[in-house]
Amino acid sequence: MAIIPARGGSQGIPMKNLQRVGGQSLLARAILSARATRLVTDVVVSTDHPRIRQEAERFGAAVIDRPEELSGCVASSESALLHALNNITAGSGTSADPDVTILLQCTSPFIDAHALDAAVERVLKGTADTVFSAAPNHNFLWKDNEGAATAVGHDAGHRPRRQDREPQYRETGAFYVMRTSGLRTHKHRFFGAIGMQPVPEETAIEIDSPTDLDVAHVLAKSGRTDWAIEVDALVTDFDGVHTDDHALVDADGTEHVRVSRRDGMGVARLRAAGVPQLILSTEANPVVTARATKLKIEVRQNLEDKAAALQAWLAGRQLDPARVAYVGNDVNDLAAMGSVGWPIAVADADPAVLAAARVVLTASGGSGAVREASERVLAARTASPTAPSTGNNLQSVPGRPVRTTV
C-alpha cells in the first residue's frame, strides 16, 4: 500500500501539493507513479483539505481524512501513515495490514516506478526491512564550526578525482518502503535492516521552495528522455482532444467549439512528413467535418464502436496496430486505446484514461495536445527516419501502461 501524505497547509508554497509540473499536479504525479508499478496494489492519500481530496479521487486514489491534530507542520509523516493504516483496516472490516507500506511523497515530482518496484521487491523478499530512495553524491561536504570550516566525510588535504571517489548517497525523500509490522512496532520509518535504492541525481529534486518548483518546470520540459513517440500513424478523438470539451450553443442549436491553431500546424507538419492521420468521433456534427476538412485529414463520425472503426481503418491501410498512436480523453476512448501500441491521454483526461495511457501529454485538450503529440511523432522520425528503434520491449504490447510523465 502506497500512502501519500498531502496536507493543505504549506509554509513555502501555498497549496504546494496541487502545484502543476509537466501538466499534472504534484499529487497526481505521485498517484500515477504508484499506479505505474507492478507491485503496488493500493494507493491512499491522507489529507485535511477538500481540494486535495477531490484531486486524489479524480486520479483513482482512496482518501483518508486526516484529523486536525495530525495536520500541522510539526506532525510526523509516520503519524499520518499509522492513522491511515488504522482507518483503512477499520473501514474494510478486517484487521489485515498490507505486507508492505510505502511512504510516497508528492514533493518529489519525478518518482521512478521501476526504482519503487525494486525497493518493494527487496522488502517482500526479506533482504531489507526498510528501503529508501537515495541519489549518489560526489560533493565535498563541509560544516561551519563558529567560523571555522571542517571537512565532513573526507580529508581536506587529499583531493581525489570524482571518478576515483566512492559516492556518498543523499536521501531524496521520494519514497520509503517499510515492512508494515516493523512500522507498527517502531512507529518510525527506519528500523531493522535498512537498504538504499539508488535513483538518478537528475530525478531526485524535492520541491521545498518556489525555486525548486521553477527547476522542476524546466526539467519536465527539457530534461525528458521520453519525448519521441515511434509510430506510423496518429489517430485522435475530437471532443476533448482537438477541443477543450466545451461547446457554445446558439439559439438555433448550432454548436461552436474552440480549437487551437497550434494543433493545425502540428497536423500540417505530420501530413507533410507522410504520416497518416484520422479523427474518430462518437457524434455526427458539422463542426467536426469542417475542422477535418480544414486540416485535410480523414474523419469517421457517428460511431458507436470507435475500436471497430479504428481496426477497420488500420486494416485498410495495412498498418501494424502496435505502431499506431491513439489520443483520447474519456472512457469511450478506452477500447480504441487498448487496441493500439501507443495509447495516449491528454493532460486533463478522465482518470481511467490516464491509467490506461502509455503516454500522458503535458497539454490539455484544445490547448495544444494534438500539436504536442505531432511533434513527438516527428521527433522519433527525425531521430531515425528510415528505421525507428524499438526503444524498449514494451513497444509492441498494446495498452501497456507505461506513464512517461512520472
Protein backbone atom coordinates (compact mmCIF):
# COMPACT_ATOMS: atom_id res chain seq x y z
CA MET A 1 0.00 0.00 0.00
CA ALA A 2 1.36 3.39 -1.02
CA ILE A 3 0.26 6.15 1.36
CA ILE A 4 0.71 9.75 0.21
CA PRO A 5 0.52 12.38 2.97
CA ALA A 6 -0.81 15.58 1.36
CA ARG A 7 -1.96 18.24 3.77
CA GLY A 8 -3.36 21.55 2.58
CA GLY A 9 -1.05 23.78 4.58
CA SER A 10 2.38 24.71 3.25
CA GLN A 11 4.66 27.45 4.53
CA GLY A 12 6.86 27.82 1.45
CA ILE A 13 4.43 27.34 -1.45
CA PRO A 14 0.65 27.77 -0.97
CA MET A 15 -1.22 24.52 -1.74
CA LYS A 16 2.08 23.00 -2.81
CA ASN A 17 0.71 19.52 -3.38
CA LEU A 18 -1.62 20.82 -6.10
CA GLN A 19 1.04 22.80 -7.97
CA ARG A 20 1.41 21.53 -11.53
CA VAL A 21 4.58 20.16 -13.12
CA GLY A 22 4.54 18.85 -16.68
CA GLY A 23 0.78 19.25 -16.97
CA GLN A 24 -0.10 17.34 -13.80
CA SER A 25 -0.40 18.30 -10.13
CA LEU A 26 2.34 17.03 -7.83
CA LEU A 27 -0.28 14.86 -6.14
CA ALA A 28 -1.44 13.39 -9.44
CA ARG A 29 2.15 12.63 -10.45
CA ALA A 30 2.71 10.70 -7.21
CA ILE A 31 -0.51 8.72 -7.64
CA LEU A 32 0.31 7.88 -11.26
CA SER A 33 3.85 6.81 -10.30
CA ALA A 34 2.44 4.36 -7.77
CA ARG A 35 -0.11 3.05 -10.26
CA ALA A 36 2.62 2.56 -12.87
CA THR A 37 4.37 -0.06 -10.72
CA ARG A 38 3.90 -3.82 -10.85
CA LEU A 39 3.71 -4.39 -7.10
CA VAL A 40 1.72 -1.55 -5.55
CA THR A 41 -1.86 -2.74 -5.12
CA ASP A 42 -3.44 0.17 -3.22
CA VAL A 43 -2.88 3.92 -3.29
CA VAL A 44 -4.16 6.02 -0.38
CA VAL A 45 -3.98 9.79 0.10
CA SER A 46 -4.10 11.19 3.65
CA THR A 47 -5.31 14.78 3.60
CA ASP A 48 -7.09 17.51 5.54
CA HIS A 49 -8.18 19.56 2.51
CA PRO A 50 -11.27 19.17 0.25
CA ARG A 51 -9.47 20.24 -2.94
CA ILE A 52 -6.75 17.65 -2.37
CA ARG A 53 -9.42 15.04 -1.67
CA GLN A 54 -11.10 15.90 -4.96
CA GLU A 55 -7.83 15.66 -6.90
CA ALA A 56 -6.92 12.34 -5.27
CA GLU A 57 -10.31 10.83 -6.10
CA ARG A 58 -10.07 12.14 -9.67
CA PHE A 59 -6.95 10.03 -10.13
CA GLY A 60 -8.41 6.94 -8.50
CA ALA A 61 -6.79 7.01 -5.06
CA ALA A 62 -8.60 6.16 -1.84
CA VAL A 63 -8.74 9.06 0.62
CA ILE A 64 -8.37 9.17 4.39
CA ASP A 65 -9.45 12.37 6.13
CA ARG A 66 -6.63 13.40 8.42
CA PRO A 67 -7.65 14.96 11.77
CA GLU A 68 -6.50 18.45 12.70
CA GLU A 69 -4.06 17.23 15.35
CA LEU A 70 -2.13 15.31 12.65
CA SER A 71 -2.27 18.07 10.03
CA GLY A 72 0.07 20.70 11.44
CA CYS A 73 3.60 21.36 10.26
CA VAL A 74 5.06 19.57 13.30
CA ALA A 75 3.08 16.33 12.79
CA SER A 76 5.29 13.47 11.63
CA SER A 77 4.77 11.57 8.40
CA GLU A 78 4.74 8.37 10.43
CA SER A 79 1.70 9.60 12.38
CA ALA A 80 -0.14 10.09 9.10
CA LEU A 81 0.88 6.60 7.91
CA LEU A 82 -0.30 4.88 11.09
CA HIS A 83 -3.55 6.85 11.12
CA ALA A 84 -4.21 5.86 7.51
CA LEU A 85 -3.42 2.20 8.18
CA ASN A 86 -5.73 2.14 11.20
CA ASN A 87 -8.59 3.71 9.28
CA ILE A 88 -8.15 1.63 6.14
CA THR A 89 -8.27 -1.64 8.07
CA ALA A 90 -11.21 -0.42 10.16
CA GLY A 91 -13.13 0.65 7.07
CA SER A 92 -12.56 -2.65 5.30
CA GLY A 93 -13.84 -4.68 8.24
CA THR A 94 -10.59 -6.61 8.52
CA SER A 95 -7.56 -6.31 10.75
CA ALA A 96 -5.21 -7.42 7.97
CA ASP A 97 -2.45 -4.93 7.23
CA PRO A 98 -0.68 -4.75 3.87
CA ASP A 99 2.62 -6.65 3.90
CA VAL A 100 4.47 -3.53 2.83
CA THR A 101 3.68 0.13 3.46
CA ILE A 102 5.18 2.87 1.29
CA LEU A 103 5.54 6.47 2.32
CA LEU A 104 5.30 8.24 -1.05
CA GLN A 105 5.88 11.99 -1.09
CA CYS A 106 4.39 14.13 -3.83
CA THR A 107 7.01 16.81 -3.24
CA SER A 108 9.20 14.59 -5.46
CA PRO A 109 7.77 15.08 -8.96
CA PHE A 110 9.92 12.55 -10.83
CA ILE A 111 9.40 9.30 -8.90
CA ASP A 112 10.67 6.34 -10.91
CA ALA A 113 8.18 3.47 -10.90
CA HIS A 114 10.87 0.90 -11.69
CA ALA A 115 13.02 2.03 -8.75
CA LEU A 116 9.98 1.93 -6.48
CA ASP A 117 9.17 -1.61 -7.64
CA ALA A 118 12.76 -2.68 -6.96
CA ALA A 119 12.60 -1.29 -3.43
CA VAL A 120 9.28 -3.04 -2.72
CA GLU A 121 10.67 -6.31 -4.04
CA ARG A 122 13.63 -6.13 -1.65
CA VAL A 123 11.31 -5.78 1.33
CA LEU A 124 8.97 -8.51 0.09
CA LYS A 125 11.91 -10.90 -0.34
CA GLY A 126 13.21 -10.11 3.15
CA THR A 127 16.60 -8.73 2.14
CA ALA A 128 15.71 -5.44 3.88
CA ASP A 129 13.12 -4.17 6.34
CA THR A 130 13.23 -0.58 5.09
CA VAL A 131 14.41 0.73 1.73
CA PHE A 132 14.56 4.42 0.83
CA SER A 133 15.37 6.33 -2.36
CA ALA A 134 18.86 7.80 -2.48
CA ALA A 135 20.86 9.69 -5.10
CA PRO A 136 24.65 9.39 -5.48
CA ASN A 137 26.61 12.44 -4.39
CA HIS A 138 30.29 13.17 -5.03
CA ASN A 139 30.40 16.62 -3.42
CA PHE A 140 32.98 17.60 -0.83
CA LEU A 141 30.93 18.47 2.24
CA TRP A 142 31.87 20.92 4.98
CA LYS A 143 30.36 22.28 8.16
CA ASP A 144 30.83 25.63 9.85
CA ASN A 145 32.09 25.44 13.44
CA GLU A 146 31.77 29.03 14.67
CA GLY A 147 33.54 30.40 11.62
CA ALA A 148 35.99 27.50 11.19
CA ALA A 149 35.34 25.19 8.22
CA THR A 150 35.62 21.48 8.96
CA ALA A 151 35.64 18.76 6.30
CA VAL A 152 32.84 16.20 6.55
CA GLY A 153 33.45 12.69 5.27
CA HIS A 154 36.73 13.45 3.51
CA ASP A 155 40.33 14.52 4.13
CA ALA A 156 40.75 18.20 3.23
CA GLY A 157 44.39 17.53 2.32
CA HIS A 158 43.54 14.82 -0.19
CA ARG A 159 41.53 15.76 -3.30
CA PRO A 160 40.98 12.65 -5.46
CA ARG A 161 39.23 12.97 -8.82
CA ARG A 162 35.48 12.43 -8.92
CA GLN A 163 35.87 9.11 -10.73
CA ASP A 164 38.30 7.93 -8.04
CA ARG A 165 35.93 8.62 -5.13
CA GLU A 166 33.24 6.34 -3.80
CA PRO A 167 29.94 8.21 -3.84
CA GLN A 168 28.01 9.12 -0.75
CA TYR A 169 24.22 8.93 -1.04
CA ARG A 170 21.68 11.65 -0.41
CA GLU A 171 18.25 10.71 0.88
CA THR A 172 15.87 12.09 -1.77
CA GLY A 173 12.60 11.92 0.21
CA ALA A 174 10.71 10.41 -2.74
CA PHE A 175 9.81 7.06 -1.16
CA TYR A 176 10.34 4.92 1.93
CA VAL A 177 9.34 1.27 1.68
CA MET A 178 8.74 -0.47 5.01
CA ARG A 179 7.63 -3.83 6.32
CA THR A 180 4.30 -2.88 7.89
CA SER A 181 4.77 -4.97 11.02
CA GLY A 182 8.05 -3.17 11.72
CA LEU A 183 6.44 0.23 11.18
CA ARG A 184 3.74 -0.74 13.66
CA THR A 185 6.32 -1.80 16.23
CA HIS A 186 8.86 1.01 15.89
CA LYS A 187 6.48 3.80 14.76
CA HIS A 188 9.33 5.13 12.63
CA ARG A 189 10.38 4.66 9.01
CA PHE A 190 13.90 3.38 9.80
CA PHE A 191 14.27 0.04 11.57
CA GLY A 192 15.85 -3.37 11.16
CA ALA A 193 17.95 -3.94 8.05
CA ILE A 194 17.98 -0.63 6.14
CA GLY A 195 18.71 -0.50 2.41
CA MET A 196 19.07 2.24 -0.19
CA GLN A 197 17.51 2.22 -3.64
CA PRO A 198 19.72 4.35 -5.90
CA VAL A 199 17.93 6.77 -8.25
CA PRO A 200 19.48 9.16 -10.79
CA GLU A 201 20.50 12.51 -9.36
CA GLU A 202 18.65 14.34 -12.14
CA THR A 203 15.33 12.85 -10.99
CA ALA A 204 15.94 13.47 -7.29
CA ILE A 205 14.69 17.04 -6.94
CA GLU A 206 12.41 17.72 -3.97
CA ILE A 207 10.02 20.68 -4.00
CA ASP A 208 10.60 22.82 -0.90
CA SER A 209 10.72 26.32 -2.36
CA PRO A 210 9.45 28.33 -5.35
CA THR A 211 12.93 27.96 -6.88
CA ASP A 212 12.67 24.17 -6.68
CA LEU A 213 9.33 24.40 -8.46
CA ASP A 214 10.86 26.53 -11.23
CA VAL A 215 13.63 23.95 -11.70
CA ALA A 216 11.06 21.15 -11.88
CA HIS A 217 9.17 23.02 -14.62
CA VAL A 218 12.36 23.23 -16.67
CA LEU A 219 13.24 19.58 -16.11
CA ALA A 220 9.75 18.45 -17.09
CA LYS A 221 10.04 20.27 -20.42
CA SER A 222 13.67 19.96 -21.41
CA GLY A 223 15.18 17.19 -19.35
CA ARG A 224 12.95 14.44 -20.67
CA THR A 225 14.22 11.17 -22.11
CA ASP A 226 10.81 10.00 -23.29
CA TRP A 227 9.99 12.64 -25.86
CA ALA A 228 9.75 10.53 -29.01
CA ILE A 229 6.64 8.54 -29.93
CA GLU A 230 7.67 5.93 -32.50
CA VAL A 231 4.58 5.31 -34.62
CA ASP A 232 3.47 5.15 -38.26
CA ALA A 233 0.05 6.82 -37.82
CA LEU A 234 -1.74 9.14 -35.40
CA VAL A 235 -5.45 8.75 -34.57
CA THR A 236 -7.30 11.17 -32.33
CA ASP A 237 -10.65 11.66 -30.69
CA PHE A 238 -12.24 15.06 -31.43
CA ASP A 239 -14.13 16.43 -28.41
CA GLY A 240 -11.70 16.89 -25.52
CA VAL A 241 -8.62 16.38 -27.72
CA HIS A 242 -8.93 18.86 -30.59
CA THR A 243 -11.26 20.91 -28.36
CA ASP A 244 -11.39 21.76 -24.66
CA ASP A 245 -14.55 19.61 -24.38
CA HIS A 246 -16.83 22.65 -24.10
CA ALA A 247 -19.37 23.88 -26.64
CA LEU A 248 -21.23 27.14 -27.17
CA VAL A 249 -24.80 26.63 -28.37
CA ASP A 250 -26.70 29.46 -30.05
CA ALA A 251 -30.49 29.97 -30.15
CA ASP A 252 -30.80 27.77 -33.23
CA GLY A 253 -28.99 24.90 -31.52
CA THR A 254 -25.82 25.31 -33.57
CA GLU A 255 -22.69 24.32 -31.68
CA HIS A 256 -19.44 26.25 -31.71
CA VAL A 257 -16.20 24.82 -30.33
CA ARG A 258 -12.78 26.20 -29.50
CA VAL A 259 -9.71 24.72 -31.20
CA SER A 260 -6.01 25.55 -31.18
CA ARG A 261 -4.26 26.93 -34.26
CA ARG A 262 -1.12 25.29 -32.93
CA ASP A 263 -2.81 21.92 -33.40
CA GLY A 264 -3.41 22.81 -37.05
CA MET A 265 0.30 23.41 -37.56
CA GLY A 266 1.13 20.06 -35.95
CA VAL A 267 -1.31 18.23 -38.21
CA ALA A 268 0.13 20.00 -41.25
CA ARG A 269 3.68 19.05 -40.28
CA LEU A 270 2.68 15.40 -39.89
CA ARG A 271 0.87 15.46 -43.21
CA ALA A 272 3.99 16.89 -44.89
CA ALA A 273 6.01 14.05 -43.34
CA GLY A 274 3.63 11.49 -44.84
CA VAL A 275 2.15 10.30 -41.55
CA PRO A 276 -1.46 9.08 -41.92
CA GLN A 277 -3.95 10.73 -39.54
CA LEU A 278 -7.56 10.08 -38.60
CA ILE A 279 -10.19 11.72 -36.38
CA LEU A 280 -12.77 9.46 -34.73
CA SER A 281 -15.92 10.96 -33.19
CA THR A 282 -18.94 9.45 -31.48
CA GLU A 283 -21.14 12.33 -32.56
CA ALA A 284 -22.18 13.38 -36.07
CA ASN A 285 -21.58 17.12 -36.11
CA PRO A 286 -20.87 19.51 -38.99
CA VAL A 287 -18.22 21.23 -36.90
CA VAL A 288 -16.16 18.01 -36.85
CA THR A 289 -16.45 17.71 -40.62
CA ALA A 290 -15.48 21.35 -41.08
CA ARG A 291 -12.41 21.02 -38.86
CA ALA A 292 -11.25 17.79 -40.52
CA THR A 293 -11.72 19.35 -43.97
CA LYS A 294 -9.61 22.35 -42.99
CA LEU A 295 -6.93 20.09 -41.54
CA LYS A 296 -7.07 17.89 -44.68
CA ILE A 297 -7.27 14.64 -42.74
CA GLU A 298 -9.73 11.76 -42.69
CA VAL A 299 -12.62 11.63 -40.24
CA ARG A 300 -15.11 8.96 -39.12
CA GLN A 301 -18.22 10.16 -37.24
CA ASN A 302 -21.40 8.87 -35.62
CA LEU A 303 -19.54 5.87 -34.22
CA GLU A 304 -20.96 3.51 -31.62
CA ASP A 305 -17.75 1.47 -31.60
CA LYS A 306 -14.59 3.53 -32.08
CA ALA A 307 -12.36 0.48 -31.67
CA ALA A 308 -14.04 -1.36 -34.55
CA ALA A 309 -13.83 1.70 -36.78
CA LEU A 310 -10.17 2.11 -35.90
CA GLN A 311 -9.36 -1.53 -36.62
CA ALA A 312 -11.09 -1.31 -39.99
CA TRP A 313 -9.12 1.81 -40.91
CA LEU A 314 -5.85 0.19 -39.88
CA ALA A 315 -6.63 -2.96 -41.86
CA GLY A 316 -7.46 -0.89 -44.93
CA ARG A 317 -4.11 0.85 -44.73
CA GLN A 318 -2.21 -2.31 -43.69
CA LEU A 319 -0.89 -0.60 -40.58
CA ASP A 320 0.51 -2.52 -37.62
CA PRO A 321 -1.64 -1.57 -34.57
CA ALA A 322 1.46 -1.84 -32.37
CA ARG A 323 2.93 1.13 -34.25
CA VAL A 324 -0.13 3.37 -34.09
CA ALA A 325 -0.98 6.06 -31.52
CA TYR A 326 -4.49 6.92 -30.36
CA VAL A 327 -5.07 10.11 -28.36
CA GLY A 328 -8.15 10.10 -26.12
CA ASN A 329 -9.64 11.88 -23.16
CA ASP A 330 -12.71 9.98 -21.90
CA VAL A 331 -13.94 6.50 -21.10
CA ASN A 332 -15.46 5.94 -24.56
CA ASP A 333 -11.87 6.05 -25.89
CA LEU A 334 -10.61 3.18 -23.73
CA ALA A 335 -11.38 0.35 -26.16
CA ALA A 336 -9.69 2.15 -29.04
CA MET A 337 -6.72 3.00 -26.85
CA GLY A 338 -6.39 -0.63 -25.83
CA SER A 339 -6.23 -1.78 -29.44
CA VAL A 340 -3.03 0.11 -30.34
CA GLY A 341 0.54 0.07 -29.11
CA TRP A 342 0.61 3.71 -28.13
CA PRO A 343 -2.47 4.73 -26.09
CA ILE A 344 -2.07 8.43 -25.27
CA ALA A 345 -4.04 10.65 -22.87
CA VAL A 346 -4.33 14.42 -22.83
CA ALA A 347 -3.31 16.04 -19.55
CA ASP A 348 -6.89 16.65 -18.35
CA ALA A 349 -8.23 13.22 -19.31
CA ASP A 350 -10.52 11.07 -17.20
CA PRO A 351 -8.57 9.14 -14.51
CA ALA A 352 -9.40 5.82 -16.17
CA VAL A 353 -7.89 7.11 -19.42
CA LEU A 354 -4.81 8.40 -17.61
CA ALA A 355 -4.37 4.98 -16.02
CA ALA A 356 -4.63 3.23 -19.41
CA ALA A 357 -2.22 5.57 -21.20
CA ARG A 358 1.30 4.69 -22.20
CA VAL A 359 1.97 8.41 -22.58
CA VAL A 360 0.29 11.30 -20.77
CA LEU A 361 0.74 14.56 -22.64
CA THR A 362 1.61 17.77 -20.82
CA ALA A 363 -1.03 19.72 -22.78
CA SER A 364 -4.78 19.56 -22.22
CA GLY A 365 -7.42 19.06 -24.91
CA GLY A 366 -7.89 22.12 -27.11
CA SER A 367 -4.68 23.66 -25.72
CA GLY A 368 -2.02 22.15 -27.95
CA ALA A 369 -2.35 18.44 -27.16
CA VAL A 370 -2.51 17.44 -30.84
CA ARG A 371 0.49 19.65 -31.60
CA GLU A 372 2.47 18.03 -28.78
CA ALA A 373 1.62 14.53 -29.98
CA SER A 374 2.52 15.52 -33.55
CA GLU A 375 5.89 16.94 -32.53
CA ARG A 376 6.73 13.84 -30.54
CA VAL A 377 5.91 11.63 -33.52
CA LEU A 378 8.11 13.84 -35.71
CA ALA A 379 10.90 13.70 -33.10
CA ALA A 380 11.06 9.91 -33.44
CA ARG A 381 11.17 10.09 -37.23
CA THR A 382 13.89 12.73 -37.14
CA ALA A 383 15.98 10.58 -34.81
CA SER A 384 15.71 7.58 -37.15
CA PRO A 385 13.77 8.42 -40.31
CA THR A 386 14.17 5.09 -42.04
CA ALA A 387 14.07 2.56 -39.22
CA PRO A 388 12.75 3.81 -35.90
CA SER A 389 14.27 1.99 -32.95
CA THR A 390 12.01 -0.10 -30.74
CA GLY A 391 13.10 1.89 -27.70
CA ASN A 392 12.13 -0.92 -25.32
CA ASN A 393 10.37 -4.25 -25.34
CA LEU A 394 7.06 -2.68 -24.36
CA GLN A 395 6.55 -1.03 -27.73
CA SER A 396 4.67 -3.95 -29.27
CA VAL A 397 2.48 -4.59 -26.25
CA PRO A 398 -0.86 -2.86 -26.90
CA GLY A 399 -2.19 -0.88 -23.97
CA ARG A 400 0.79 -1.45 -21.67
CA PRO A 401 0.51 1.42 -19.14
CA VAL A 402 3.97 2.96 -19.23
CA ARG A 403 3.46 6.53 -17.94
CA THR A 404 6.19 8.69 -19.28
CA THR A 405 5.27 11.74 -17.26
CA VAL A 406 6.28 10.25 -13.99
